[in-house]
Amino acid sequence: MANIPLTRGQFLLPFVGILRDSGSPVSSTLEKFRLPSALEEKSQLYIPLMPAIRFIEAAQRSQGIEDFGFLATQRLHYSHLRDKTRALIEHSPTLLVALQHACKWAAREDTILSLWIEHHVDHVRICSRLSGTSALRHLEHSQWLQLVFPVYIVRQFAGPDWMPDTIAFEARYTPGRATLALWPNVRFLSGQHASWISVPIAHLSLSIRAGASIPPPLDTEDGPSGYDIVELIKLMLPAYLDENTPTLAVVAEMAGVSTRTLQRKLYHIGLTYSDILETVRYENASKLLRSTDSKIIDIAYSSGYTDPAHFSRAFRRISGVTPRQFRDRSRLG
């Protein structure tokens, strides 16, 4: 079966904008590479990725623009991610879960983009790669885009000034002095097995910052939107955690919809009932770990777990640390 790698037109627009500002004949160059000349009007649509990469490389070479990819990232923002991806990030209980969502849905941004998390002793690496592009030169331009969006996601949790300790490129590339000056105290590597940024383990359990939330995308289905239902379920479930937690069928009955309808609404926004329940249990447990001296086993039971070992595994899966580590770190400041 034929495969046409695609990317959203939105990600090519920053390069086009830089070229237009410099007076370069952009439209004719876009047409030369079989790309839409009126790209600004089609930014939310998908375009072929390989011609886009070749367009960027040719434009950089002809115009002699240093760090073309980095300059393009300065025109991109967190809001350029897909609405659904941003909504999933907003509903994530921790940075780790947000990054897991970003990895799962990366191919909706670029169809051949792989994003994954590698765990190391004191940090994780958020890695990315465009499959089938190893023969192409000057991939640092697209890799800058691959790297900057994980940075933007981390900043929703760690603050707007956060910077990784290390930024690594798969391409053979060294940033220019002007670029290095804007990333003080960041180590740059090149020729790596993938492009990646480092994130401290301690950051993985962070919750999204107040004020970092975004309005959810429009839900075109009839009745309450999936996002509204998620918020209502999250408000209701804490009252049941230390008793019999309602099943999906019971929650659907409470909501006045069929189980299938509720499943479909949650699936439409990329969540399951189990995701919501795990989030509510984690939020309850993390609050008790921070604000009380209750035994961890008691916190497990009051958060709806019948097995303390299962609680520890679930907590670590969401936060990247054990309940005891979380409590110790939260008390250190």
Protein backbone atom coordinates (compact mmCIF):
# COMPACT_ATOMS: atom_id res chain seq x y z
CA MET A 1 0.00 0.00 0.00
CA ALA A 2 1.34 3.43 -0.96
CA ASN A 3 2.25 5.78 1.87
CA ILE A 4 2.29 9.57 1.56
CA PRO A 5 3.83 11.13 4.69
CA LEU A 6 1.79 14.18 5.69
CA THR A 7 2.19 17.16 7.99
CA ARG A 8 -0.14 19.97 8.94
CA GLY A 9 0.31 23.10 6.82
CA GLN A 10 0.54 25.06 10.06
CA PHE A 11 4.09 23.79 10.62
CA LEU A 12 5.37 25.06 7.28
CA LEU A 13 3.87 28.53 7.74
CA PRO A 14 6.67 29.90 9.99
CA PHE A 15 9.26 29.10 7.31
CA VAL A 16 7.05 30.70 4.66
CA GLY A 17 6.60 33.78 6.85
CA ILE A 18 10.36 34.23 7.30
CA LEU A 19 10.88 33.96 3.55
CA ARG A 20 8.07 36.41 2.76
CA ASP A 21 9.54 38.91 5.25
CA SER A 22 12.86 38.67 3.43
CA GLY A 23 11.25 39.35 0.05
CA SER A 24 11.86 35.86 -1.29
CA PRO A 25 9.58 34.64 -4.15
CA VAL A 26 7.75 32.17 -1.95
CA SER A 27 4.71 31.29 -4.06
CA SER A 28 6.73 30.19 -7.07
CA THR A 29 9.06 28.14 -4.86
CA LEU A 30 6.10 26.43 -3.19
CA GLU A 31 4.68 25.57 -6.60
CA LYS A 32 8.05 24.21 -7.70
CA PHE A 33 7.87 21.68 -4.86
CA ARG A 34 4.20 20.85 -5.57
CA LEU A 35 3.00 22.59 -2.43
CA PRO A 36 -0.10 24.84 -2.14
CA SER A 37 0.88 28.41 -2.96
CA ALA A 38 -1.90 29.91 -0.80
CA LEU A 39 -0.69 28.05 2.28
CA GLU A 40 -1.96 30.63 4.77
CA GLU A 41 -5.55 29.77 3.83
CA LYS A 42 -4.92 26.04 4.32
CA SER A 43 -2.91 25.94 7.53
CA GLN A 44 -5.19 23.38 9.22
CA LEU A 45 -5.07 21.02 6.24
CA TYR A 46 -2.47 18.32 5.62
CA ILE A 47 0.27 18.67 3.01
CA PRO A 48 2.93 16.18 1.82
CA LEU A 49 5.84 16.15 4.26
CA MET A 50 8.76 15.21 1.99
CA PRO A 51 8.23 18.11 -0.46
CA ALA A 52 7.88 20.41 2.56
CA ILE A 53 11.25 19.26 3.94
CA ARG A 54 12.90 19.72 0.52
CA PHE A 55 11.30 23.17 0.19
CA ILE A 56 12.76 24.23 3.55
CA GLU A 57 16.21 22.89 2.68
CA ALA A 58 16.24 24.61 -0.74
CA ALA A 59 15.02 27.90 0.73
CA GLN A 60 17.63 27.84 3.47
CA ARG A 61 20.38 27.11 1.00
CA SER A 62 19.35 29.81 -1.49
CA GLN A 63 18.75 32.49 1.16
CA GLY A 64 21.64 31.54 3.47
CA ILE A 65 19.48 31.75 6.60
CA GLU A 66 21.35 30.48 9.66
CA ASP A 67 19.37 28.32 12.09
CA PHE A 68 16.30 28.43 9.87
CA GLY A 69 14.54 25.80 11.97
CA PHE A 70 15.10 27.65 15.23
CA LEU A 71 13.86 30.92 13.74
CA ALA A 72 10.71 29.08 12.65
CA THR A 73 10.10 27.78 16.18
CA GLN A 74 10.03 31.36 17.45
CA ARG A 75 6.86 31.82 15.39
CA LEU A 76 5.22 28.72 16.80
CA HIS A 77 3.38 28.41 20.10
CA TYR A 78 1.82 25.75 22.28
CA SER A 79 -1.54 26.73 20.75
CA HIS A 80 -0.38 25.39 17.37
CA LEU A 81 -0.81 21.83 18.63
CA ARG A 82 -4.07 20.13 17.64
CA ASP A 83 -7.03 21.18 19.77
CA LYS A 84 -7.66 17.61 20.90
CA THR A 85 -4.05 17.10 21.93
CA ARG A 86 -4.13 20.28 24.01
CA ALA A 87 -7.42 19.25 25.62
CA LEU A 88 -5.94 15.88 26.62
CA ILE A 89 -2.94 17.68 28.11
CA GLU A 90 -5.24 19.96 30.10
CA HIS A 91 -7.11 16.96 31.51
CA SER A 92 -3.88 15.15 32.45
CA PRO A 93 -3.27 14.74 36.19
CA THR A 94 0.51 15.01 35.74
CA LEU A 95 3.15 16.03 33.25
CA LEU A 96 4.01 12.37 32.70
CA VAL A 97 0.46 11.56 31.56
CA ALA A 98 0.44 14.66 29.35
CA LEU A 99 3.64 13.52 27.66
CA GLN A 100 2.20 10.04 27.22
CA HIS A 101 -0.81 11.55 25.45
CA ALA A 102 1.51 13.60 23.23
CA CYS A 103 3.40 10.43 22.30
CA LYS A 104 0.22 8.52 21.54
CA TRP A 105 -1.18 11.21 19.23
CA ALA A 106 2.07 12.47 17.64
CA ALA A 107 1.21 10.95 14.26
CA ARG A 108 -1.79 13.28 14.05
CA GLU A 109 0.69 16.16 13.74
CA ASP A 110 3.06 14.46 11.26
CA THR A 111 1.94 11.05 10.02
CA ILE A 112 5.46 9.54 10.19
CA LEU A 113 6.42 11.19 13.49
CA SER A 114 7.23 8.85 16.37
CA LEU A 115 7.45 10.29 19.89
CA TRP A 116 8.43 8.21 22.91
CA ILE A 117 9.80 8.45 26.44
CA GLU A 118 13.10 6.89 27.54
CA HIS A 119 13.66 6.52 31.29
CA HIS A 120 17.07 7.15 32.85
CA VAL A 121 18.27 7.36 36.46
CA ASP A 122 17.41 11.00 37.23
CA HIS A 123 15.67 12.13 34.04
CA VAL A 124 13.61 11.03 31.10
CA ARG A 125 14.24 11.77 27.46
CA ILE A 126 11.36 12.82 25.22
CA CYS A 127 12.55 11.35 21.92
CA SER A 128 11.29 11.88 18.39
CA ARG A 129 12.06 10.67 14.89
CA LEU A 130 10.58 10.99 11.41
CA SER A 131 10.63 7.49 9.96
CA GLY A 132 12.06 6.98 6.49
CA THR A 133 14.00 10.26 6.41
CA SER A 134 17.50 9.08 7.30
CA ALA A 135 18.78 9.72 3.77
CA LEU A 136 17.73 13.37 3.82
CA ARG A 137 20.18 16.11 4.75
CA HIS A 138 19.59 19.16 6.94
CA LEU A 139 16.81 17.60 8.99
CA GLU A 140 17.75 19.94 11.84
CA HIS A 141 15.07 22.32 10.54
CA SER A 142 12.23 19.85 11.10
CA GLN A 143 13.92 18.49 14.23
CA TRP A 144 13.76 21.91 15.84
CA LEU A 145 9.96 21.69 15.48
CA GLN A 146 9.95 18.15 16.84
CA LEU A 147 11.91 19.32 19.89
CA VAL A 148 10.19 22.58 20.70
CA PHE A 149 6.69 21.20 21.22
CA PRO A 150 7.73 18.86 24.07
CA VAL A 151 9.38 21.95 25.60
CA TYR A 152 6.10 23.85 25.29
CA ILE A 153 4.22 20.98 26.92
CA VAL A 154 6.62 20.84 29.87
CA ARG A 155 6.25 24.60 30.34
CA GLN A 156 2.51 24.16 30.91
CA PHE A 157 3.50 22.32 34.08
CA ALA A 158 6.96 23.64 35.06
CA GLY A 159 6.51 27.30 34.14
CA PRO A 160 7.04 29.49 31.06
CA ASP A 161 10.78 29.92 31.58
CA TRP A 162 11.64 26.24 31.91
CA MET A 163 14.47 24.95 29.73
CA PRO A 164 15.84 21.42 29.36
CA ASP A 165 19.36 20.61 30.49
CA THR A 166 20.02 18.96 27.12
CA ILE A 167 18.65 19.33 23.60
CA ALA A 168 19.85 16.63 21.22
CA PHE A 169 19.55 16.41 17.44
CA GLU A 170 19.58 13.33 15.28
CA ALA A 171 21.09 15.51 12.53
CA ARG A 172 24.75 16.57 12.45
CA TYR A 173 24.18 20.15 13.52
CA THR A 174 25.58 22.85 15.78
CA PRO A 175 23.46 25.93 16.57
CA GLY A 176 24.89 29.36 15.82
CA ARG A 177 25.99 31.80 18.49
CA ALA A 178 22.77 33.83 18.40
CA THR A 179 20.70 30.69 18.98
CA LEU A 180 22.97 29.44 21.77
CA ALA A 181 22.63 32.80 23.52
CA LEU A 182 18.85 32.29 23.74
CA TRP A 183 19.28 28.86 25.38
CA PRO A 184 21.72 29.61 28.24
CA ASN A 185 22.91 26.65 30.29
CA VAL A 186 21.51 24.18 27.75
CA ARG A 187 23.85 21.52 26.37
CA PHE A 188 23.40 20.77 22.66
CA LEU A 189 24.25 17.39 21.17
CA SER A 190 24.18 16.17 17.57
CA GLY A 191 24.34 12.87 15.71
CA GLN A 192 22.13 11.10 18.26
CA HIS A 193 19.96 8.00 17.72
CA ALA A 194 16.94 10.33 17.85
CA SER A 195 16.15 13.95 18.64
CA TRP A 196 15.38 14.43 22.33
CA ILE A 197 15.12 16.77 25.29
CA SER A 198 15.84 15.84 28.91
CA VAL A 199 13.25 16.31 31.67
CA PRO A 200 14.05 15.74 35.37
CA ILE A 201 12.22 12.82 36.98
CA ALA A 202 11.04 15.22 39.70
CA HIS A 203 9.04 17.20 37.12
CA LEU A 204 6.94 14.24 35.98
CA SER A 205 4.55 14.47 38.94
CA LEU A 206 3.83 18.19 38.42
CA SER A 207 0.23 19.26 37.84
CA ILE A 208 -0.70 21.72 35.12
CA ARG A 209 -0.23 25.33 36.20
CA ALA A 210 -3.22 27.50 37.06
CA GLY A 211 -4.00 29.67 34.07
CA ALA A 212 -2.40 27.24 31.63
CA SER A 213 -5.74 25.70 30.68
CA ILE A 214 -7.30 26.22 27.29
CA PRO A 215 -10.88 26.17 26.04
CA PRO A 216 -11.80 22.67 24.81
CA PRO A 217 -12.37 22.15 21.10
CA LEU A 218 -15.94 22.15 19.83
CA ASP A 219 -17.72 18.82 20.21
CA THR A 220 -20.10 18.35 17.30
CA GLU A 221 -22.05 15.50 18.88
CA ASP A 222 -25.57 16.07 20.24
CA GLY A 223 -26.12 16.46 23.97
CA PRO A 224 -23.43 17.17 26.59
CA SER A 225 -19.92 17.20 25.17
CA GLY A 226 -17.35 14.61 26.17
CA TYR A 227 -15.38 17.34 27.93
CA ASP A 228 -18.40 18.42 29.99
CA ILE A 229 -19.05 14.80 30.98
CA VAL A 230 -15.41 14.33 32.03
CA GLU A 231 -15.60 17.32 34.36
CA LEU A 232 -18.88 16.12 35.88
CA ILE A 233 -17.53 12.61 36.43
CA LYS A 234 -14.39 14.03 38.07
CA LEU A 235 -16.57 16.10 40.43
CA MET A 236 -18.74 13.10 41.34
CA LEU A 237 -16.29 10.22 41.75
CA PRO A 238 -14.40 11.45 44.88
CA ALA A 239 -17.55 10.85 46.95
CA TYR A 240 -17.43 7.16 46.02
CA LEU A 241 -13.72 6.37 46.21
CA ASP A 242 -13.81 4.72 49.66
CA GLU A 243 -17.03 2.87 48.85
CA ASN A 244 -18.16 0.96 45.77
CA THR A 245 -16.87 2.98 42.83
CA PRO A 246 -19.58 3.26 40.14
CA THR A 247 -19.03 1.22 37.00
CA LEU A 248 -19.19 2.76 33.55
CA ALA A 249 -22.74 1.43 33.14
CA VAL A 250 -23.84 3.06 36.41
CA VAL A 251 -22.25 6.39 35.46
CA ALA A 252 -23.97 6.24 32.07
CA GLU A 253 -27.30 5.66 33.82
CA MET A 254 -26.63 8.64 36.10
CA ALA A 255 -25.87 10.75 33.02
CA GLY A 256 -29.06 9.62 31.31
CA VAL A 257 -27.30 8.07 28.33
CA SER A 258 -26.55 4.54 27.19
CA THR A 259 -23.24 2.91 28.05
CA ARG A 260 -22.35 2.85 24.35
CA THR A 261 -23.09 6.58 23.98
CA LEU A 262 -20.91 7.44 26.97
CA GLN A 263 -18.07 5.26 25.66
CA ARG A 264 -18.34 6.93 22.25
CA LYS A 265 -18.26 10.45 23.72
CA LEU A 266 -15.15 9.62 25.74
CA TYR A 267 -13.50 7.86 22.81
CA HIS A 268 -14.17 10.96 20.67
CA ILE A 269 -11.91 13.01 22.97
CA GLY A 270 -9.28 10.28 23.41
CA LEU A 271 -10.16 9.12 26.93
CA THR A 272 -11.70 6.08 28.61
CA TYR A 273 -13.63 5.78 31.86
CA SER A 274 -10.61 3.99 33.35
CA ASP A 275 -8.44 7.03 32.49
CA ILE A 276 -10.81 9.34 34.37
CA LEU A 277 -11.07 7.00 37.37
CA GLU A 278 -7.26 6.67 37.59
CA THR A 279 -6.94 10.47 37.43
CA VAL A 280 -9.46 11.01 40.25
CA ARG A 281 -7.78 8.36 42.41
CA TYR A 282 -4.36 9.91 41.78
CA GLU A 283 -5.56 13.45 42.56
CA ASN A 284 -7.13 12.26 45.81
CA ALA A 285 -4.02 10.33 46.84
CA SER A 286 -1.58 13.10 45.93
CA LYS A 287 -3.60 15.62 47.94
CA LEU A 288 -3.53 13.36 51.00
CA LEU A 289 0.18 12.65 50.60
CA ARG A 290 0.94 16.38 50.52
CA SER A 291 -1.39 17.58 53.27
CA THR A 292 -1.67 14.75 55.82
CA ASP A 293 0.49 12.33 57.77
CA SER A 294 -1.82 9.40 57.03
CA LYS A 295 -0.19 6.06 56.39
CA ILE A 296 0.29 5.23 52.74
CA ILE A 297 -1.78 2.07 53.12
CA ASP A 298 -4.69 4.14 54.47
CA ILE A 299 -4.36 6.61 51.59
CA ALA A 300 -4.48 3.69 49.18
CA TYR A 301 -7.75 2.42 50.67
CA SER A 302 -9.34 5.90 50.81
CA SER A 303 -8.42 6.43 47.14
CA GLY A 304 -10.30 3.32 46.06
CA TYR A 305 -7.51 0.74 45.96
CA THR A 306 -7.93 -2.62 47.70
CA ASP A 307 -4.29 -3.60 47.17
CA PRO A 308 -1.53 -1.22 48.38
CA ALA A 309 0.93 -2.73 45.89
CA HIS A 310 -1.48 -1.99 43.05
CA PHE A 311 -1.80 1.56 44.39
CA SER A 312 1.98 2.07 44.35
CA ARG A 313 2.24 0.76 40.78
CA ALA A 314 -0.64 2.91 39.57
CA PHE A 315 0.72 6.01 41.32
CA ARG A 316 4.16 5.52 39.80
CA ARG A 317 2.66 4.95 36.36
CA ILE A 318 0.98 8.36 36.54
CA SER A 319 3.63 10.40 38.35
CA GLY A 320 6.93 8.64 37.65
CA VAL A 321 7.64 8.29 41.39
CA THR A 322 6.40 6.12 44.26
CA PRO A 323 3.91 7.54 46.81
CA ARG A 324 6.69 7.79 49.41
CA GLN A 325 9.01 9.62 47.02
CA PHE A 326 6.19 11.97 46.10
CA ARG A 327 5.51 12.78 49.77
CA ASP A 328 9.19 13.34 50.53
CA ARG A 329 9.69 15.64 47.53
CA SER A 330 6.53 17.63 48.17
CA ARG A 331 7.72 18.37 51.70
CA LEU A 332 11.11 19.50 50.50
CA GLY A 333 9.43 22.34 48.68
